Amino acid sequence: MQEPIREELQHDFNYPQREAAFFFGLFLRGHSPEKLRRDIDVPPEVLAKWQREVLRVPESRDIIERIVEYRRQVLAIFETLVVTDARDQRLQ
């Protein structure tokens, strides 16, 4: 039987915009957007490691998939904020 994602962890996954806003704040303070994107994204070598973990411990599939989905949501929101900021800067 699969163990459900713990409630407090699931609660954290409900607000990717908060984490994206944190990274956007770093961007506004001069941090490189490329470096921030790397920090947000799940690197291919980590994905490969997690996929091996799923083969070893199938119960981990749900949480790993949720983590990857969450990181992609954070990255998409961050990208939107950066693009919007760049567009606003050009209009001024």
N, C-alpha and C. Protein backbone atom coordinates (compact mmCIF):
# COMPACT_ATOMS: atom_id res chain seq x y z
N MET A 1 0.84 -1.19 0.00
CA MET A 1 0.00 0.00 0.00
C MET A 1 0.88 1.25 0.00
N GLN A 2 0.57 2.19 -0.85
CA GLN A 2 1.37 3.41 -0.94
C GLN A 2 1.04 4.35 0.20
N GLU A 3 2.09 4.94 0.75
CA GLU A 3 1.90 5.93 1.81
C GLU A 3 1.56 7.26 1.16
N PRO A 4 0.46 7.91 1.57
CA PRO A 4 0.12 9.21 0.97
C PRO A 4 1.16 10.26 1.33
N ILE A 5 1.25 11.26 0.49
CA ILE A 5 2.16 12.37 0.76
C ILE A 5 1.72 13.02 2.06
N ARG A 6 2.67 13.19 2.96
CA ARG A 6 2.34 13.79 4.25
C ARG A 6 1.66 15.14 4.04
N GLU A 7 0.72 15.43 4.92
CA GLU A 7 -0.11 16.63 4.77
C GLU A 7 0.71 17.91 4.72
N GLU A 8 1.70 18.06 5.61
CA GLU A 8 2.47 19.31 5.61
C GLU A 8 3.30 19.45 4.34
N LEU A 9 3.79 18.33 3.82
CA LEU A 9 4.55 18.38 2.57
C LEU A 9 3.62 18.73 1.42
N GLN A 10 2.45 18.13 1.39
CA GLN A 10 1.47 18.44 0.35
C GLN A 10 1.09 19.91 0.40
N HIS A 11 0.95 20.45 1.60
CA HIS A 11 0.62 21.87 1.76
C HIS A 11 1.70 22.74 1.11
N ASP A 12 2.96 22.39 1.28
CA ASP A 12 4.05 23.14 0.67
C ASP A 12 3.95 23.14 -0.86
N PHE A 13 3.49 22.04 -1.41
CA PHE A 13 3.38 21.92 -2.87
C PHE A 13 2.23 22.74 -3.44
N ASN A 14 1.36 23.25 -2.60
CA ASN A 14 0.20 23.99 -3.07
C ASN A 14 0.50 25.43 -3.46
N TYR A 15 1.70 25.90 -3.19
CA TYR A 15 2.00 27.32 -3.41
C TYR A 15 3.31 27.53 -4.17
N PRO A 16 3.39 27.06 -5.41
CA PRO A 16 4.64 27.27 -6.16
C PRO A 16 4.90 28.75 -6.43
N GLN A 17 3.85 29.57 -6.42
CA GLN A 17 4.03 31.00 -6.67
C GLN A 17 4.86 31.65 -5.56
N ARG A 18 4.77 31.13 -4.35
CA ARG A 18 5.59 31.68 -3.25
C ARG A 18 7.07 31.46 -3.51
N GLU A 19 7.40 30.25 -3.90
CA GLU A 19 8.81 29.97 -4.18
C GLU A 19 9.28 30.73 -5.41
N ALA A 20 8.43 30.82 -6.44
CA ALA A 20 8.79 31.59 -7.63
C ALA A 20 9.02 33.05 -7.26
N ALA A 21 8.20 33.59 -6.38
CA ALA A 21 8.36 34.98 -5.94
C ALA A 21 9.68 35.16 -5.20
N PHE A 22 10.07 34.17 -4.41
CA PHE A 22 11.36 34.22 -3.71
C PHE A 22 12.50 34.32 -4.72
N PHE A 23 12.48 33.45 -5.73
CA PHE A 23 13.54 33.48 -6.75
C PHE A 23 13.48 34.77 -7.57
N PHE A 24 12.29 35.27 -7.83
CA PHE A 24 12.17 36.53 -8.56
C PHE A 24 12.77 37.67 -7.75
N GLY A 25 12.57 37.64 -6.45
CA GLY A 25 13.20 38.64 -5.58
C GLY A 25 14.71 38.60 -5.69
N LEU A 26 15.28 37.41 -5.76
CA LEU A 26 16.73 37.29 -5.96
C LEU A 26 17.14 37.87 -7.31
N PHE A 27 16.33 37.61 -8.33
CA PHE A 27 16.58 38.16 -9.66
C PHE A 27 16.59 39.69 -9.61
N LEU A 28 15.62 40.27 -8.93
CA LEU A 28 15.54 41.73 -8.83
C LEU A 28 16.73 42.31 -8.06
N ARG A 29 17.34 41.50 -7.22
CA ARG A 29 18.52 41.95 -6.46
C ARG A 29 19.82 41.72 -7.23
N GLY A 30 19.71 41.28 -8.49
CA GLY A 30 20.88 41.18 -9.34
C GLY A 30 21.43 39.78 -9.58
N HIS A 31 20.77 38.76 -9.06
CA HIS A 31 21.23 37.40 -9.31
C HIS A 31 20.95 37.02 -10.77
N SER A 32 21.82 36.25 -11.34
CA SER A 32 21.70 35.84 -12.74
C SER A 32 20.45 34.98 -12.95
N PRO A 33 19.64 35.33 -13.96
CA PRO A 33 18.45 34.50 -14.22
C PRO A 33 18.83 33.08 -14.63
N GLU A 34 19.95 32.92 -15.33
CA GLU A 34 20.39 31.58 -15.73
C GLU A 34 20.72 30.73 -14.51
N LYS A 35 21.42 31.32 -13.56
CA LYS A 35 21.78 30.60 -12.32
C LYS A 35 20.52 30.26 -11.53
N LEU A 36 19.60 31.19 -11.46
CA LEU A 36 18.36 30.93 -10.73
C LEU A 36 17.55 29.83 -11.41
N ARG A 37 17.52 29.82 -12.74
CA ARG A 37 16.82 28.74 -13.46
C ARG A 37 17.42 27.39 -13.12
N ARG A 38 18.76 27.33 -13.07
CA ARG A 38 19.43 26.07 -12.72
C ARG A 38 19.08 25.66 -11.29
N ASP A 39 18.99 26.64 -10.40
CA ASP A 39 18.65 26.34 -9.01
C ASP A 39 17.21 25.83 -8.87
N ILE A 40 16.33 26.33 -9.69
CA ILE A 40 14.92 25.93 -9.63
C ILE A 40 14.71 24.56 -10.27
N ASP A 41 15.29 24.35 -11.43
CA ASP A 41 15.06 23.14 -12.21
C ASP A 41 15.67 21.91 -11.54
N VAL A 42 15.18 20.75 -11.90
CA VAL A 42 15.76 19.49 -11.44
C VAL A 42 16.74 19.04 -12.52
N PRO A 43 18.03 18.98 -12.20
CA PRO A 43 19.03 18.60 -13.20
C PRO A 43 18.81 17.17 -13.71
N PRO A 44 19.20 16.91 -14.97
CA PRO A 44 19.01 15.57 -15.55
C PRO A 44 19.63 14.45 -14.72
N GLU A 45 20.81 14.72 -14.13
CA GLU A 45 21.44 13.66 -13.34
C GLU A 45 20.64 13.34 -12.07
N VAL A 46 19.98 14.34 -11.52
CA VAL A 46 19.11 14.11 -10.35
C VAL A 46 17.87 13.35 -10.78
N LEU A 47 17.29 13.73 -11.92
CA LEU A 47 16.13 12.99 -12.44
C LEU A 47 16.47 11.52 -12.66
N ALA A 48 17.64 11.26 -13.23
CA ALA A 48 18.07 9.88 -13.47
C ALA A 48 18.20 9.12 -12.15
N LYS A 49 18.78 9.76 -11.16
CA LYS A 49 18.93 9.14 -9.84
C LYS A 49 17.56 8.82 -9.25
N TRP A 50 16.63 9.77 -9.36
CA TRP A 50 15.29 9.56 -8.82
C TRP A 50 14.57 8.44 -9.57
N GLN A 51 14.78 8.34 -10.88
CA GLN A 51 14.15 7.27 -11.65
C GLN A 51 14.68 5.90 -11.20
N ARG A 52 15.96 5.84 -10.89
CA ARG A 52 16.53 4.59 -10.36
C ARG A 52 15.91 4.28 -8.99
N GLU A 53 15.70 5.31 -8.21
CA GLU A 53 15.08 5.14 -6.89
C GLU A 53 13.66 4.59 -7.02
N VAL A 54 12.92 5.05 -8.01
CA VAL A 54 11.56 4.56 -8.23
C VAL A 54 11.59 3.07 -8.59
N LEU A 55 12.60 2.66 -9.35
CA LEU A 55 12.71 1.24 -9.68
C LEU A 55 13.01 0.41 -8.42
N ARG A 56 13.80 0.98 -7.55
CA ARG A 56 14.18 0.30 -6.31
C ARG A 56 13.06 0.34 -5.28
N VAL A 57 12.40 1.51 -5.17
CA VAL A 57 11.33 1.72 -4.18
C VAL A 57 10.12 2.30 -4.91
N PRO A 58 9.29 1.44 -5.48
CA PRO A 58 8.15 1.93 -6.28
C PRO A 58 7.22 2.88 -5.53
N GLU A 59 7.15 2.77 -4.20
CA GLU A 59 6.28 3.65 -3.41
C GLU A 59 6.71 5.11 -3.50
N SER A 60 7.94 5.35 -3.91
CA SER A 60 8.45 6.72 -3.99
C SER A 60 7.99 7.46 -5.25
N ARG A 61 7.37 6.74 -6.17
CA ARG A 61 6.98 7.34 -7.45
C ARG A 61 6.11 8.59 -7.28
N ASP A 62 5.08 8.51 -6.47
CA ASP A 62 4.15 9.64 -6.33
C ASP A 62 4.84 10.91 -5.85
N ILE A 63 5.65 10.79 -4.81
CA ILE A 63 6.30 11.98 -4.26
C ILE A 63 7.33 12.53 -5.23
N ILE A 64 8.06 11.66 -5.90
CA ILE A 64 9.07 12.14 -6.86
C ILE A 64 8.39 12.84 -8.03
N GLU A 65 7.32 12.27 -8.54
CA GLU A 65 6.59 12.93 -9.62
C GLU A 65 6.05 14.28 -9.17
N ARG A 66 5.57 14.33 -7.94
CA ARG A 66 5.02 15.60 -7.43
C ARG A 66 6.11 16.65 -7.27
N ILE A 67 7.28 16.24 -6.81
CA ILE A 67 8.40 17.18 -6.67
C ILE A 67 8.79 17.75 -8.03
N VAL A 68 8.93 16.88 -9.02
CA VAL A 68 9.32 17.33 -10.36
C VAL A 68 8.26 18.26 -10.94
N GLU A 69 7.00 17.91 -10.79
CA GLU A 69 5.91 18.77 -11.27
C GLU A 69 5.95 20.14 -10.59
N TYR A 70 6.17 20.13 -9.29
CA TYR A 70 6.23 21.37 -8.52
C TYR A 70 7.38 22.25 -9.00
N ARG A 71 8.56 21.67 -9.18
CA ARG A 71 9.72 22.45 -9.63
C ARG A 71 9.45 23.05 -11.01
N ARG A 72 8.79 22.30 -11.87
CA ARG A 72 8.47 22.82 -13.21
C ARG A 72 7.46 23.96 -13.12
N GLN A 73 6.52 23.87 -12.20
CA GLN A 73 5.57 24.96 -11.99
C GLN A 73 6.29 26.21 -11.50
N VAL A 74 7.19 26.03 -10.54
CA VAL A 74 7.95 27.17 -10.01
C VAL A 74 8.74 27.81 -11.14
N LEU A 75 9.39 27.00 -11.96
CA LEU A 75 10.19 27.53 -13.07
C LEU A 75 9.32 28.29 -14.07
N ALA A 76 8.16 27.76 -14.40
CA ALA A 76 7.26 28.43 -15.34
C ALA A 76 6.78 29.77 -14.79
N ILE A 77 6.45 29.81 -13.52
CA ILE A 77 6.00 31.07 -12.91
C ILE A 77 7.15 32.07 -12.89
N PHE A 78 8.34 31.60 -12.52
CA PHE A 78 9.53 32.46 -12.50
C PHE A 78 9.78 33.04 -13.90
N GLU A 79 9.70 32.21 -14.93
CA GLU A 79 9.91 32.67 -16.30
C GLU A 79 8.90 33.76 -16.66
N THR A 80 7.65 33.56 -16.29
CA THR A 80 6.62 34.56 -16.57
C THR A 80 6.95 35.88 -15.89
N LEU A 81 7.39 35.82 -14.64
CA LEU A 81 7.74 37.04 -13.91
C LEU A 81 8.92 37.76 -14.57
N VAL A 82 9.93 37.01 -14.99
CA VAL A 82 11.11 37.61 -15.62
C VAL A 82 10.74 38.25 -16.95
N VAL A 83 9.95 37.55 -17.76
CA VAL A 83 9.54 38.09 -19.06
C VAL A 83 8.68 39.34 -18.88
N THR A 84 7.76 39.29 -17.93
CA THR A 84 6.91 40.45 -17.66
C THR A 84 7.74 41.64 -17.20
N ASP A 85 8.72 41.37 -16.33
CA ASP A 85 9.59 42.44 -15.85
C ASP A 85 10.39 43.05 -17.00
N ALA A 86 10.92 42.20 -17.88
CA ALA A 86 11.70 42.70 -19.02
C ALA A 86 10.82 43.54 -19.94
N ARG A 87 9.60 43.09 -20.17
CA ARG A 87 8.68 43.83 -21.02
C ARG A 87 8.34 45.18 -20.39
N ASP A 88 8.09 45.19 -19.09
CA ASP A 88 7.79 46.44 -18.39
C ASP A 88 8.97 47.40 -18.43
N GLN A 89 10.18 46.87 -18.33
CA GLN A 89 11.38 47.71 -18.38
C GLN A 89 11.52 48.40 -19.74
N ARG A 90 11.16 47.68 -20.81
CA ARG A 90 11.24 48.26 -22.15
C ARG A 90 10.20 49.36 -22.36
N LEU A 91 9.06 49.22 -21.71
CA LEU A 91 8.00 50.21 -21.87
C LEU A 91 8.31 51.52 -21.15
N GLN A 92 9.19 51.47 -20.17
CA GLN A 92 9.47 52.68 -19.39
C GLN A 92 10.42 53.58 -20.08
